[in-house]
Amino acid sequence: MSNRPPSPTIITDNGDMNSARTPGENPDETIRLGQFLKWAGLAESGAEARDLVQGGYVRVDGEIETRRGRQLHLGQRVTVAYPGETEVTEVVEDL
């Protein structure tokens, strides 16, 4: 998606949050599923992200994920099967 907002807060492997450094520098970086859905343009709001995740419409690496706070790592695939529409898959490549 080309109209992505600025990068979200990055959480490192030791739990420190830092949005000042360049995303993608550290392979241990993570992003929460709900944040990623908004950032990737797969959900327009946190409420929509919550509804998609809790409704079972989101898969991470092929498995249904119902935890909006799930930590995603670089290389993981997130698929959203919008009700009545085609599936959309995004790979966590750039945090």
N, C-alpha and C. Protein backbone atom coordinates (compact mmCIF):
# COMPACT_ATOMS: atom_id res chain seq x y z
N MET A 1 0.84 -1.17 0.00
CA MET A 1 0.00 0.00 0.00
C MET A 1 0.89 1.24 0.00
N SER A 2 0.53 2.21 -0.77
CA SER A 2 1.40 3.36 -0.92
C SER A 2 1.11 4.50 0.05
N ASN A 3 -0.04 4.54 0.66
CA ASN A 3 -0.40 5.64 1.55
C ASN A 3 -0.26 5.27 3.01
N ARG A 4 0.84 4.66 3.38
CA ARG A 4 1.05 4.25 4.77
C ARG A 4 1.39 5.45 5.62
N PRO A 5 0.85 5.47 6.85
CA PRO A 5 1.22 6.53 7.78
C PRO A 5 2.65 6.32 8.27
N PRO A 6 3.18 7.25 9.05
CA PRO A 6 4.53 7.07 9.58
C PRO A 6 4.65 5.77 10.36
N SER A 7 5.86 5.27 10.44
CA SER A 7 6.11 4.01 11.14
C SER A 7 5.61 4.07 12.57
N PRO A 8 5.00 2.97 13.06
CA PRO A 8 4.53 2.93 14.43
C PRO A 8 5.69 2.76 15.40
N THR A 9 5.38 2.84 16.68
CA THR A 9 6.38 2.62 17.71
C THR A 9 6.93 1.20 17.60
N ILE A 10 8.22 1.07 17.66
CA ILE A 10 8.88 -0.23 17.57
C ILE A 10 9.16 -0.74 18.98
N ILE A 11 8.88 -2.01 19.22
CA ILE A 11 9.18 -2.63 20.51
C ILE A 11 10.32 -3.61 20.28
N THR A 12 11.42 -3.42 20.98
CA THR A 12 12.58 -4.28 20.80
C THR A 12 12.47 -5.52 21.68
N ASP A 13 13.39 -6.45 21.48
CA ASP A 13 13.35 -7.72 22.21
C ASP A 13 13.46 -7.53 23.73
N ASN A 14 14.02 -6.43 24.20
CA ASN A 14 14.12 -6.22 25.64
C ASN A 14 12.95 -5.39 26.18
N GLY A 15 11.96 -5.09 25.35
CA GLY A 15 10.76 -4.40 25.80
C GLY A 15 10.83 -2.89 25.72
N ASP A 16 11.98 -2.31 25.35
CA ASP A 16 12.09 -0.86 25.24
C ASP A 16 11.36 -0.38 24.00
N MET A 17 10.67 0.75 24.14
CA MET A 17 10.00 1.34 22.98
C MET A 17 10.84 2.50 22.48
N ASN A 18 10.97 2.57 21.16
CA ASN A 18 11.80 3.62 20.58
C ASN A 18 11.29 3.88 19.17
N SER A 19 10.71 5.05 18.94
CA SER A 19 10.23 5.37 17.60
C SER A 19 11.21 6.28 16.86
N ALA A 20 12.36 6.62 17.49
CA ALA A 20 13.29 7.55 16.88
C ALA A 20 14.27 6.88 15.91
N ARG A 21 14.58 5.63 16.11
CA ARG A 21 15.56 4.99 15.24
C ARG A 21 14.89 4.43 13.99
N THR A 22 15.69 4.06 13.03
CA THR A 22 15.19 3.59 11.75
C THR A 22 14.57 2.20 11.90
N PRO A 23 13.29 2.05 11.50
CA PRO A 23 12.67 0.72 11.56
C PRO A 23 13.41 -0.26 10.66
N GLY A 24 13.41 -1.52 11.05
CA GLY A 24 14.04 -2.56 10.25
C GLY A 24 15.50 -2.80 10.57
N GLU A 25 16.09 -2.00 11.46
CA GLU A 25 17.50 -2.17 11.80
C GLU A 25 17.76 -3.46 12.56
N ASN A 26 16.83 -3.86 13.39
CA ASN A 26 17.03 -4.97 14.31
C ASN A 26 16.05 -6.09 13.98
N PRO A 27 16.54 -7.30 13.72
CA PRO A 27 15.64 -8.40 13.38
C PRO A 27 14.74 -8.83 14.53
N ASP A 28 15.03 -8.36 15.76
CA ASP A 28 14.20 -8.70 16.90
C ASP A 28 13.05 -7.72 17.11
N GLU A 29 12.89 -6.74 16.21
CA GLU A 29 11.80 -5.79 16.33
C GLU A 29 10.46 -6.48 16.13
N THR A 30 9.45 -5.96 16.81
CA THR A 30 8.11 -6.49 16.65
C THR A 30 7.12 -5.34 16.54
N ILE A 31 5.93 -5.67 16.08
CA ILE A 31 4.82 -4.74 16.05
C ILE A 31 3.58 -5.53 16.43
N ARG A 32 2.68 -4.91 17.14
CA ARG A 32 1.44 -5.59 17.52
C ARG A 32 0.55 -5.74 16.29
N LEU A 33 -0.20 -6.82 16.27
CA LEU A 33 -1.05 -7.13 15.12
C LEU A 33 -2.02 -6.00 14.81
N GLY A 34 -2.68 -5.46 15.82
CA GLY A 34 -3.63 -4.36 15.59
C GLY A 34 -2.97 -3.15 14.97
N GLN A 35 -1.77 -2.81 15.45
CA GLN A 35 -1.01 -1.69 14.87
C GLN A 35 -0.66 -1.97 13.43
N PHE A 36 -0.21 -3.20 13.15
CA PHE A 36 0.19 -3.55 11.80
C PHE A 36 -0.99 -3.47 10.83
N LEU A 37 -2.15 -3.93 11.25
CA LEU A 37 -3.33 -3.87 10.39
C LEU A 37 -3.64 -2.44 9.99
N LYS A 38 -3.54 -1.51 10.94
CA LYS A 38 -3.78 -0.10 10.62
C LYS A 38 -2.67 0.46 9.74
N TRP A 39 -1.42 0.20 10.10
CA TRP A 39 -0.27 0.73 9.38
C TRP A 39 -0.23 0.25 7.93
N ALA A 40 -0.59 -1.02 7.71
CA ALA A 40 -0.57 -1.59 6.36
C ALA A 40 -1.82 -1.22 5.56
N GLY A 41 -2.75 -0.52 6.17
CA GLY A 41 -3.96 -0.12 5.47
C GLY A 41 -4.99 -1.23 5.36
N LEU A 42 -4.85 -2.27 6.18
CA LEU A 42 -5.80 -3.38 6.16
C LEU A 42 -7.00 -3.10 7.06
N ALA A 43 -6.87 -2.12 7.94
CA ALA A 43 -7.97 -1.67 8.80
C ALA A 43 -7.87 -0.15 8.88
N GLU A 44 -9.02 0.51 8.87
CA GLU A 44 -9.02 1.97 8.91
C GLU A 44 -8.88 2.54 10.31
N SER A 45 -9.18 1.72 11.31
CA SER A 45 -9.13 2.21 12.70
C SER A 45 -8.80 1.06 13.63
N GLY A 46 -8.51 1.41 14.87
CA GLY A 46 -8.26 0.39 15.87
C GLY A 46 -9.50 -0.45 16.12
N ALA A 47 -10.67 0.19 16.06
CA ALA A 47 -11.92 -0.55 16.26
C ALA A 47 -12.14 -1.57 15.15
N GLU A 48 -11.84 -1.17 13.91
CA GLU A 48 -11.99 -2.12 12.80
C GLU A 48 -10.98 -3.25 12.93
N ALA A 49 -9.74 -2.93 13.33
CA ALA A 49 -8.72 -3.97 13.53
C ALA A 49 -9.19 -4.95 14.60
N ARG A 50 -9.73 -4.43 15.70
CA ARG A 50 -10.23 -5.28 16.78
C ARG A 50 -11.34 -6.21 16.27
N ASP A 51 -12.29 -5.65 15.52
CA ASP A 51 -13.40 -6.44 15.01
C ASP A 51 -12.94 -7.53 14.05
N LEU A 52 -11.98 -7.21 13.19
CA LEU A 52 -11.45 -8.21 12.25
C LEU A 52 -10.75 -9.34 12.99
N VAL A 53 -9.92 -8.97 13.97
CA VAL A 53 -9.16 -9.98 14.71
C VAL A 53 -10.10 -10.84 15.55
N GLN A 54 -10.95 -10.20 16.33
CA GLN A 54 -11.85 -10.95 17.21
C GLN A 54 -12.88 -11.76 16.42
N GLY A 55 -13.18 -11.33 15.20
CA GLY A 55 -14.14 -12.05 14.36
C GLY A 55 -13.54 -13.26 13.65
N GLY A 56 -12.22 -13.45 13.79
CA GLY A 56 -11.57 -14.59 13.16
C GLY A 56 -11.24 -14.40 11.69
N TYR A 57 -11.20 -13.14 11.23
CA TYR A 57 -10.92 -12.84 9.83
C TYR A 57 -9.44 -12.65 9.53
N VAL A 58 -8.58 -12.75 10.56
CA VAL A 58 -7.15 -12.50 10.39
C VAL A 58 -6.36 -13.78 10.66
N ARG A 59 -5.41 -14.06 9.73
CA ARG A 59 -4.50 -15.19 9.92
C ARG A 59 -3.08 -14.67 9.92
N VAL A 60 -2.25 -15.27 10.78
CA VAL A 60 -0.82 -14.97 10.80
C VAL A 60 -0.11 -16.27 10.44
N ASP A 61 0.64 -16.22 9.36
CA ASP A 61 1.33 -17.41 8.84
C ASP A 61 0.37 -18.59 8.68
N GLY A 62 -0.84 -18.30 8.20
CA GLY A 62 -1.82 -19.33 7.89
C GLY A 62 -2.70 -19.78 9.04
N GLU A 63 -2.43 -19.31 10.26
CA GLU A 63 -3.21 -19.70 11.43
C GLU A 63 -4.10 -18.54 11.87
N ILE A 64 -5.37 -18.82 12.16
CA ILE A 64 -6.27 -17.78 12.64
C ILE A 64 -5.73 -17.22 13.95
N GLU A 65 -5.70 -15.89 14.03
CA GLU A 65 -5.19 -15.20 15.23
C GLU A 65 -6.29 -14.31 15.79
N THR A 66 -6.62 -14.49 17.05
CA THR A 66 -7.67 -13.70 17.68
C THR A 66 -7.14 -12.75 18.74
N ARG A 67 -5.81 -12.61 18.83
CA ARG A 67 -5.20 -11.69 19.81
C ARG A 67 -4.68 -10.47 19.07
N ARG A 68 -5.34 -9.33 19.26
CA ARG A 68 -4.93 -8.09 18.60
C ARG A 68 -3.54 -7.66 19.04
N GLY A 69 -3.12 -8.03 20.25
CA GLY A 69 -1.82 -7.65 20.77
C GLY A 69 -0.69 -8.59 20.40
N ARG A 70 -0.96 -9.59 19.58
CA ARG A 70 0.08 -10.54 19.16
C ARG A 70 1.26 -9.79 18.55
N GLN A 71 2.46 -10.17 18.95
CA GLN A 71 3.67 -9.55 18.42
C GLN A 71 4.03 -10.18 17.08
N LEU A 72 4.20 -9.36 16.06
CA LEU A 72 4.61 -9.83 14.75
C LEU A 72 6.08 -9.51 14.53
N HIS A 73 6.76 -10.39 13.82
CA HIS A 73 8.18 -10.22 13.51
C HIS A 73 8.35 -10.07 12.01
N LEU A 74 9.49 -9.53 11.61
CA LEU A 74 9.78 -9.40 10.19
C LEU A 74 9.64 -10.75 9.49
N GLY A 75 9.03 -10.75 8.32
CA GLY A 75 8.88 -11.96 7.52
C GLY A 75 7.58 -12.70 7.74
N GLN A 76 6.82 -12.34 8.78
CA GLN A 76 5.55 -13.02 9.00
C GLN A 76 4.51 -12.51 8.01
N ARG A 77 3.58 -13.41 7.63
CA ARG A 77 2.53 -13.09 6.67
C ARG A 77 1.21 -12.90 7.41
N VAL A 78 0.56 -11.77 7.15
CA VAL A 78 -0.73 -11.47 7.75
C VAL A 78 -1.76 -11.44 6.63
N THR A 79 -2.79 -12.26 6.78
CA THR A 79 -3.86 -12.34 5.78
C THR A 79 -5.16 -11.92 6.42
N VAL A 80 -5.90 -11.04 5.72
CA VAL A 80 -7.22 -10.62 6.18
C VAL A 80 -8.22 -11.08 5.14
N ALA A 81 -9.22 -11.83 5.59
CA ALA A 81 -10.30 -12.29 4.73
C ALA A 81 -11.52 -11.44 5.07
N TYR A 82 -11.64 -10.29 4.41
CA TYR A 82 -12.77 -9.40 4.66
C TYR A 82 -14.07 -10.13 4.35
N PRO A 83 -15.07 -9.99 5.20
CA PRO A 83 -16.35 -10.66 4.94
C PRO A 83 -16.90 -10.28 3.56
N GLY A 84 -17.14 -11.28 2.73
CA GLY A 84 -17.71 -11.05 1.40
C GLY A 84 -16.74 -10.52 0.36
N GLU A 85 -15.45 -10.44 0.67
CA GLU A 85 -14.46 -9.93 -0.27
C GLU A 85 -13.30 -10.90 -0.38
N THR A 86 -12.36 -10.58 -1.27
CA THR A 86 -11.20 -11.44 -1.45
C THR A 86 -10.20 -11.24 -0.31
N GLU A 87 -9.34 -12.22 -0.11
CA GLU A 87 -8.31 -12.14 0.92
C GLU A 87 -7.20 -11.17 0.50
N VAL A 88 -6.63 -10.51 1.48
CA VAL A 88 -5.49 -9.62 1.27
C VAL A 88 -4.38 -10.08 2.20
N THR A 89 -3.17 -10.28 1.63
CA THR A 89 -2.03 -10.71 2.44
C THR A 89 -0.93 -9.66 2.37
N GLU A 90 -0.37 -9.33 3.52
CA GLU A 90 0.78 -8.42 3.63
C GLU A 90 1.87 -9.15 4.40
N VAL A 91 3.11 -8.94 3.99
CA VAL A 91 4.25 -9.51 4.70
C VAL A 91 4.87 -8.42 5.53
N VAL A 92 5.21 -8.74 6.77
CA VAL A 92 5.86 -7.76 7.66
C VAL A 92 7.30 -7.63 7.16
N GLU A 93 7.54 -6.60 6.35
CA GLU A 93 8.87 -6.40 5.76
C GLU A 93 9.53 -5.14 6.28
N ASP A 94 8.74 -4.15 6.62
CA ASP A 94 9.28 -2.85 7.01
C ASP A 94 8.50 -2.37 8.22
N LEU A 95 9.19 -2.19 9.32
CA LEU A 95 8.52 -1.72 10.53
C LEU A 95 8.77 -0.25 10.74
